[in-house]
Every structure is written in C-alpha cells, then in structure tokens.
Amino acid sequence: MNLRFLDMGMAGVLEASLIALAAGIVALLLVHVVVGRRLRWSHGKQIGWAYLFTLLTACSADIWNLVYMGIVPMQSPVTIQRVLSGIHDPDYLGMRVVGEVVAAGLGVMLGWLLVSGPLRRRGRRRSERRSARQDLP
C-alpha cells in the first residue's frame, strides 16, 4: 500500500492515527446501521466487528510490514534494502502501528458513544426537556 501522502516522523504517526480514528467511527456507524439493527446484534458484537473492519482497512499495511520484517530472515544487505525500500518511514513503523491500533479502538468506542451510549441518551433528555417546556402554558 502506498503511504506516500503521510509525513515523516511523529507527524506521520499522528496523521495515520487520525485516519484510523475516523475509520473507526465510520466503521461502527456502518456496522450499526447496516447489520446491527437488522440482526439485532448486541453492542459487544457490533464493537468487535467494527474494530476488526477498522484494523483491516486502516492499519493492515503497516501491521503486515511489521510482521513481515519479524518473520523473514534479514541475512543479506540486499534483502534488508529491498524490504525497507517498500516501507514508508521505517524508522517510525512500530510507533505508527501502535498509534493506529489504539486510535482505531478509540474511534470505535467514540462511534459507540455517538450511536447508543451515554452521549445519545444525554441528547434525548435535553430534547425531552425542551419539548416539555414548550408544552407548558
């Protein structure tokens, strides 16, 4: 996967994390609307599937590069050079993976808060109070 649009260093880690956060929110919203309501899935099942989809879409390239570098024997300089040339910013690959995985989880949980958590309940209470005030003479 071509990640050339990301900056180098910590700025790239932050950008990748923000992308994973947004992908987590969108994934939970899609799972909730498309599948969760129809099949009457529990919140845990919706969160689990949304997290899996987020990891597959937003983090898979970096996770694969990290795992590949740990599995393939790097015994020759040619192999090392070939593997490192295909990775965007190999110096910060580990930090980018950690940031993406954590941000993906936070995005899914933020999406859950928006869809069916306490934030939605708080919004309902405010709208009920407003309608009750309007009904008073």
Protein backbone atom coordinates (compact mmCIF):
# COMPACT_ATOMS: atom_id res chain seq x y z
CA MET A 1 0.00 0.00 0.00
CA ASN A 2 1.33 3.41 -0.91
CA LEU A 3 1.50 5.67 2.14
CA ARG A 4 3.50 8.45 0.50
CA PHE A 5 0.85 11.03 1.44
CA LEU A 6 1.85 10.72 5.11
CA ASP A 7 4.53 12.95 6.57
CA MET A 8 7.73 11.56 8.03
CA GLY A 9 8.33 11.13 11.76
CA MET A 10 5.85 11.89 14.51
CA ALA A 11 3.68 13.98 12.18
CA GLY A 12 3.11 10.85 10.08
CA VAL A 13 2.26 8.84 13.19
CA LEU A 14 -0.30 11.46 14.19
CA GLU A 15 -1.82 11.59 10.68
CA ALA A 16 -2.10 7.79 10.49
CA SER A 17 -3.68 7.72 13.95
CA LEU A 18 -6.25 10.36 12.99
CA ILE A 19 -7.12 8.38 9.86
CA ALA A 20 -7.60 5.24 11.97
CA LEU A 21 -9.75 7.20 14.45
CA ALA A 22 -12.04 8.45 11.69
CA ALA A 23 -12.17 4.98 10.13
CA GLY A 24 -13.22 3.52 13.49
CA ILE A 25 -16.11 5.95 13.85
CA VAL A 26 -17.30 5.28 10.29
CA ALA A 27 -16.93 1.51 10.69
CA LEU A 28 -19.07 1.42 13.84
CA LEU A 29 -21.73 3.61 12.25
CA LEU A 30 -21.86 1.35 9.20
CA VAL A 31 -21.95 -1.86 11.23
CA HIS A 32 -24.68 -0.45 13.47
CA VAL A 33 -26.87 0.85 10.65
CA VAL A 34 -26.35 -1.86 8.03
CA VAL A 35 -26.07 -5.06 10.07
CA GLY A 36 -26.55 -4.43 13.79
CA ARG A 37 -30.14 -3.28 13.72
CA ARG A 38 -31.34 -5.89 11.23
CA LEU A 39 -29.80 -8.86 13.03
CA ARG A 40 -30.36 -7.36 16.49
CA TRP A 41 -26.71 -7.72 17.42
CA SER A 42 -25.55 -6.81 20.90
CA HIS A 43 -23.30 -3.82 21.41
CA GLY A 44 -20.31 -6.07 22.02
CA LYS A 45 -20.71 -7.86 18.72
CA GLN A 46 -21.08 -4.57 16.84
CA ILE A 47 -17.99 -3.13 18.53
CA GLY A 48 -15.95 -6.26 17.81
CA TRP A 49 -16.80 -6.41 14.12
CA ALA A 50 -16.31 -2.67 13.68
CA TYR A 51 -12.87 -2.89 15.32
CA LEU A 52 -11.89 -5.79 13.07
CA PHE A 53 -13.02 -3.90 9.95
CA THR A 54 -11.12 -0.82 11.11
CA LEU A 55 -7.93 -2.80 11.63
CA LEU A 56 -8.28 -4.39 8.21
CA THR A 57 -8.88 -1.11 6.41
CA ALA A 58 -6.80 1.47 8.25
CA CYS A 59 -3.92 -0.48 9.79
CA SER A 60 -3.35 -3.62 7.72
CA ALA A 61 -0.47 -2.34 5.56
CA ASP A 62 1.66 -1.20 8.48
CA ILE A 63 0.85 -4.26 10.59
CA TRP A 64 1.77 -6.51 7.68
CA ASN A 65 5.09 -4.71 7.16
CA LEU A 66 5.94 -5.04 10.84
CA VAL A 67 5.07 -8.75 10.95
CA TYR A 68 6.87 -9.41 7.66
CA MET A 69 10.07 -7.82 8.94
CA GLY A 70 9.89 -10.05 12.01
CA ILE A 71 9.31 -13.27 10.07
CA VAL A 72 11.55 -13.00 7.02
CA PRO A 73 15.21 -13.64 7.80
CA MET A 74 17.18 -10.45 7.11
CA GLN A 75 20.57 -12.03 6.47
CA SER A 76 21.76 -10.14 3.42
CA PRO A 77 22.03 -6.40 2.86
CA VAL A 78 20.15 -6.79 -0.42
CA THR A 79 17.14 -8.33 1.35
CA ILE A 80 17.18 -5.63 4.01
CA GLN A 81 17.40 -2.88 1.41
CA ARG A 82 14.58 -4.41 -0.66
CA VAL A 83 12.26 -4.74 2.33
CA LEU A 84 13.00 -1.28 3.72
CA SER A 85 12.56 0.40 0.33
CA GLY A 86 8.92 -0.71 0.23
CA ILE A 87 8.07 0.74 3.65
CA HIS A 88 7.17 4.36 4.15
CA ASP A 89 9.25 5.78 7.04
CA PRO A 90 10.59 2.50 8.51
CA ASP A 91 12.09 4.37 11.48
CA TYR A 92 8.63 5.09 12.90
CA LEU A 93 6.83 1.94 11.71
CA GLY A 94 6.36 0.50 15.21
CA MET A 95 5.05 3.75 16.63
CA ARG A 96 2.71 4.15 13.67
CA VAL A 97 1.28 0.65 14.23
CA VAL A 98 0.72 1.28 17.94
CA GLY A 99 -0.87 4.66 17.23
CA GLU A 100 -3.16 3.20 14.58
CA VAL A 101 -4.30 0.27 16.72
CA VAL A 102 -5.04 2.49 19.73
CA ALA A 103 -6.74 5.16 17.61
CA ALA A 104 -8.85 2.52 15.85
CA GLY A 105 -10.13 1.31 19.21
CA LEU A 106 -10.80 4.86 20.38
CA GLY A 107 -12.65 5.61 17.15
CA VAL A 108 -14.88 2.58 17.52
CA MET A 109 -15.67 3.48 21.12
CA LEU A 110 -16.36 7.10 20.21
CA GLY A 111 -18.70 5.86 17.48
CA TRP A 112 -20.47 3.67 20.03
CA LEU A 113 -20.87 6.66 22.34
CA LEU A 114 -22.42 8.63 19.49
CA VAL A 115 -24.75 5.83 18.35
CA SER A 116 -26.03 4.24 21.53
CA GLY A 117 -24.03 5.32 24.51
CA PRO A 118 -24.44 8.00 27.16
CA LEU A 119 -23.96 10.87 24.71
CA ARG A 120 -27.08 9.86 22.80
CA ARG A 121 -29.09 9.48 26.00
CA ARG A 122 -27.99 12.91 27.16
CA GLY A 123 -29.16 14.39 23.84
CA ARG A 124 -32.54 12.69 24.22
CA ARG A 125 -33.01 14.11 27.71
CA ARG A 126 -32.29 17.63 26.52
CA SER A 127 -34.78 17.34 23.66
CA GLU A 128 -37.42 15.93 26.06
CA ARG A 129 -36.88 18.87 28.43
CA ARG A 130 -37.24 21.34 25.60
CA SER A 131 -40.47 19.77 24.38
CA ALA A 132 -41.83 19.69 27.96
CA ARG A 133 -41.05 23.40 28.38
CA GLN A 134 -42.81 24.25 25.15
CA ASP A 135 -45.94 22.36 26.23
CA LEU A 136 -46.35 24.44 29.40
CA PRO A 137 -48.84 27.31 29.14
